[in-house]
């Protein structure tokens, strides 16, 4: 057997070994990602327990750990983080995250009514805080994270509130203009929603 033929046979054998191992590598990566997600969900549950026990600073640390390590933020975490932020007197942060939960879940979410109630309280406290010029600094910027929009993969447009029409009050009456961000049904895709929150979503027709 000449040397060239031997090299060809060795290369073919090596290729078979690599291709045979690839499914195992893919399965390992999937399992690793699932284990990481499960661990993060346990951290979130631990944060909820601490919040219910009144240990809000410890709960905040748990929630922030999940935020910093999860790929897409679970919708339930937006509620928990918003509620716990209220307890920590971070009212603007609380408003931000509770609003996100309501936008994602509407009136059908497990915590929808509770989120509305906490949001009203947070807005009231925030107004008081602004009036006394004591707005707190160092709050987590939610625009740094991608929000998981759930199985539907879409969210009611916060610009037009799902009406697909923006009403502008003018001196000669109301002006009605088509919303330039959502589709004709008043929806944004999850990607569009996250880009809108970061100020990266351009109006349709302007390089969208």
Protein backbone atom coordinates (compact mmCIF):
# COMPACT_ATOMS: atom_id res chain seq x y z
CA UNK A 1 0.00 0.00 0.00
CA UNK A 2 1.53 3.25 -1.08
CA UNK A 3 1.78 6.27 1.19
CA UNK A 4 -0.88 8.34 -0.63
CA UNK A 5 -3.49 5.60 -0.30
CA UNK A 6 -2.65 5.18 3.39
CA UNK A 7 -3.17 8.91 4.01
CA UNK A 8 -6.54 8.80 2.25
CA UNK A 9 -7.71 5.85 4.35
CA UNK A 10 -6.56 7.48 7.59
CA UNK A 11 -8.34 10.72 6.67
CA UNK A 12 -11.56 8.85 5.91
CA UNK A 13 -11.41 7.00 9.22
CA UNK A 14 -10.76 10.21 11.13
CA UNK A 15 -13.71 11.90 9.42
CA UNK A 16 -16.01 9.06 10.45
CA UNK A 17 -14.88 9.37 14.05
CA UNK A 18 -15.48 13.15 14.03
CA UNK A 19 -18.94 12.83 12.47
CA UNK A 20 -19.85 10.05 14.90
CA UNK A 21 -18.90 12.24 17.86
CA UNK A 22 -20.74 15.37 16.66
CA UNK A 23 -24.25 14.29 17.82
CA UNK A 24 -22.78 13.51 21.25
CA UNK A 25 -21.17 16.95 21.43
CA UNK A 26 -24.45 18.65 20.42
CA UNK A 27 -26.40 16.63 22.99
CA UNK A 28 -23.88 17.53 25.67
CA UNK A 29 -24.15 21.24 24.87
CA UNK A 30 -27.96 21.07 24.98
CA UNK A 31 -27.89 19.28 28.33
CA UNK A 32 -25.37 21.77 29.68
CA UNK A 33 -27.59 24.70 28.65
CA UNK A 34 -30.65 23.04 30.21
CA UNK A 35 -28.77 22.45 33.46
CA UNK A 36 -27.66 26.09 33.52
CA UNK A 37 -31.23 27.28 32.95
CA UNK A 38 -32.55 24.98 35.69
CA UNK A 39 -29.92 26.29 38.10
CA UNK A 40 -30.88 29.88 37.30
CA UNK A 41 -34.56 29.09 37.87
CA UNK A 42 -33.65 27.67 41.28
CA UNK A 43 -31.82 30.93 42.02
CA UNK A 44 -34.95 32.85 41.02
CA UNK A 45 -37.14 30.67 43.26
CA UNK A 46 -34.68 31.24 46.09
CA UNK A 47 -35.00 34.98 45.50
CA UNK A 48 -38.79 34.73 45.69
CA UNK A 49 -38.51 32.85 48.99
CA UNK A 50 -36.17 35.49 50.43
CA UNK A 51 -38.52 38.27 49.25
CA UNK A 52 -41.47 36.56 50.94
CA UNK A 53 -39.35 36.31 54.12
CA UNK A 54 -38.72 40.06 54.00
CA UNK A 55 -35.02 39.72 53.10
CA UNK A 56 -35.25 42.09 50.16
CA UNK A 57 -31.54 42.89 49.73
CA UNK A 58 -30.66 39.18 49.56
CA UNK A 59 -33.55 38.60 47.16
CA UNK A 60 -32.29 41.46 45.00
CA UNK A 61 -28.86 39.82 44.79
CA UNK A 62 -30.46 36.57 43.63
CA UNK A 63 -32.59 38.30 40.99
CA UNK A 64 -29.66 40.32 39.71
CA UNK A 65 -27.54 37.17 39.44
CA UNK A 66 -30.21 35.60 37.24
CA UNK A 67 -30.46 38.77 35.15
CA UNK A 68 -26.72 38.79 34.55
CA UNK A 69 -26.53 35.14 33.50
CA UNK A 70 -29.77 34.26 31.72
CA UNK A 71 -30.04 34.55 27.95
CA UNK A 72 -33.64 35.76 27.89
CA UNK A 73 -35.32 37.19 30.98
CA UNK A 74 -38.36 35.10 32.06
CA UNK A 75 -41.53 37.18 32.22
CA UNK A 76 -42.16 36.12 35.84
CA UNK A 77 -38.78 37.57 36.84
CA UNK A 78 -39.84 40.99 35.55
CA UNK A 79 -42.69 40.87 38.09
CA UNK A 80 -40.59 39.59 40.99
CA UNK A 81 -37.82 42.10 40.34
CA UNK A 82 -40.32 44.94 40.04
CA UNK A 83 -42.09 43.97 43.26
CA UNK A 84 -38.86 43.52 45.22
CA UNK A 85 -37.56 46.85 43.89
CA UNK A 86 -40.60 48.52 45.46
CA UNK A 87 -39.69 47.03 48.84
CA UNK A 88 -36.17 48.43 48.38
CA UNK A 89 -37.69 51.86 47.60
CA UNK A 90 -36.31 51.81 44.07
CA UNK A 91 -39.58 53.07 42.68
CA UNK A 92 -38.48 54.01 39.16
CA UNK A 93 -36.92 50.60 38.75
CA UNK A 94 -40.07 49.00 40.12
CA UNK A 95 -42.24 50.91 37.62
CA UNK A 96 -40.00 49.90 34.74
CA UNK A 97 -40.07 46.17 35.43
CA UNK A 98 -43.72 45.94 36.49
CA UNK A 99 -44.69 47.79 33.30
CA UNK A 100 -42.72 45.24 31.28
CA UNK A 101 -44.60 42.38 32.94
CA UNK A 102 -47.97 43.99 32.14
CA UNK A 103 -46.91 44.63 28.54
CA UNK A 104 -45.85 41.01 28.17
CA UNK A 105 -48.78 39.34 29.91
CA UNK A 106 -51.63 41.85 29.60
CA UNK A 107 -54.57 40.87 31.81
CA UNK A 108 -54.00 37.13 31.48
CA UNK A 109 -50.79 36.72 33.43
CA UNK A 110 -50.59 34.91 36.73
CA UNK A 111 -49.53 38.14 38.46
CA UNK A 112 -51.31 40.66 36.21
CA UNK A 113 -53.67 42.14 38.81
CA UNK A 114 -51.00 42.13 41.49
CA UNK A 115 -48.59 43.83 39.07
CA UNK A 116 -51.15 46.57 38.39
CA UNK A 117 -51.64 47.14 42.12
CA UNK A 118 -47.90 47.33 42.82
CA UNK A 119 -47.40 49.57 39.80
CA UNK A 120 -49.94 52.09 41.11
CA UNK A 121 -48.17 52.16 44.47
CA UNK A 122 -44.76 52.52 42.83
CA UNK A 123 -45.97 55.40 40.63
CA UNK A 124 -47.40 57.18 43.67
CA UNK A 125 -44.19 56.82 45.64
CA UNK A 126 -42.09 57.85 42.66
CA UNK A 127 -44.07 61.07 42.26
CA UNK A 128 -43.47 61.85 45.92
CA UNK A 129 -39.80 61.09 45.46
CA UNK A 130 -39.49 63.39 42.45
CA UNK A 131 -41.28 66.15 44.33
CA UNK A 132 -38.65 66.01 47.06
CA UNK A 133 -35.80 65.77 44.52
CA UNK A 134 -34.50 62.56 46.03
CA UNK A 135 -34.54 60.21 43.07
CA UNK A 136 -32.24 57.34 43.83
CA UNK A 137 -29.22 56.53 41.66
CA UNK A 138 -27.58 53.24 40.82
CA UNK A 139 -30.70 51.47 39.65
CA UNK A 140 -30.42 48.58 37.25
CA UNK A 141 -30.97 49.69 33.67
CA UNK A 142 -33.46 47.21 32.27
CA UNK A 143 -32.53 48.17 28.71
CA UNK A 144 -29.35 46.14 29.18
CA UNK A 145 -31.33 42.93 29.05
CA UNK A 146 -33.33 41.06 26.44
CA UNK A 147 -36.84 40.36 27.68
CA UNK A 148 -38.37 36.94 26.97
CA UNK A 149 -41.77 37.63 25.39
CA UNK A 150 -43.06 34.11 25.97
CA UNK A 151 -44.40 31.52 23.52
CA UNK A 152 -46.34 34.08 21.46
CA UNK A 153 -43.12 35.90 20.60
CA UNK A 154 -44.89 39.25 20.36
CA UNK A 155 -45.89 42.17 22.60
CA UNK A 156 -48.51 44.92 22.48
CA UNK A 157 -46.82 48.04 21.12
CA UNK A 158 -46.17 50.47 24.03
CA UNK A 159 -46.06 53.44 21.63
CA UNK A 160 -49.69 53.19 20.45
CA UNK A 161 -50.86 50.74 23.15
CA UNK A 162 -51.90 48.27 20.45
CA UNK A 163 -54.24 50.63 18.59
CA UNK A 164 -51.84 51.05 15.62
CA UNK A 165 -52.81 54.73 15.82
CA UNK A 166 -51.01 57.52 17.69
CA UNK A 167 -53.16 60.45 18.80
CA UNK A 168 -51.41 63.81 18.95
CA UNK A 169 -53.17 66.65 20.72
CA UNK A 170 -52.98 69.86 18.73
CA UNK A 171 -54.30 73.41 18.89
CA UNK A 172 -56.83 72.61 16.15
CA UNK A 173 -57.96 69.27 17.47
CA UNK A 174 -56.60 65.77 17.65
CA UNK A 175 -54.38 64.39 14.92
CA UNK A 176 -54.45 60.67 14.21
CA UNK A 177 -51.34 59.11 12.74
CA UNK A 178 -50.48 55.52 11.98
CA UNK A 179 -47.96 54.09 14.43
CA UNK A 180 -44.62 53.67 12.67
CA UNK A 181 -43.30 50.93 14.95
CA UNK A 182 -45.84 48.09 15.10
CA UNK A 183 -47.69 45.99 12.56
CA UNK A 184 -51.30 46.68 11.52
CA UNK A 185 -52.58 44.72 14.52
CA UNK A 186 -50.62 46.77 17.06
CA UNK A 187 -48.01 44.09 17.77
CA UNK A 188 -44.23 44.14 17.99
CA UNK A 189 -42.06 41.05 17.64
CA UNK A 190 -39.92 40.22 20.66
CA UNK A 191 -36.80 41.44 18.85
CA UNK A 192 -38.52 44.71 17.87
CA UNK A 193 -39.75 45.21 21.45
CA UNK A 194 -36.27 44.78 22.92
CA UNK A 195 -34.74 47.11 20.31
CA UNK A 196 -37.46 49.69 21.05
CA UNK A 197 -36.59 49.59 24.76
CA UNK A 198 -32.95 50.23 23.91
CA UNK A 199 -33.83 53.06 21.52
CA UNK A 200 -32.51 51.06 18.57
CA UNK A 201 -35.77 50.47 16.68
CA UNK A 202 -36.22 52.88 13.80
CA UNK A 203 -39.70 53.90 12.56
CA UNK A 204 -40.88 51.99 9.52
CA UNK A 205 -39.95 53.69 6.28
CA UNK A 206 -36.81 55.29 7.77
CA UNK A 207 -34.33 52.48 7.39
CA UNK A 208 -36.28 50.06 9.59
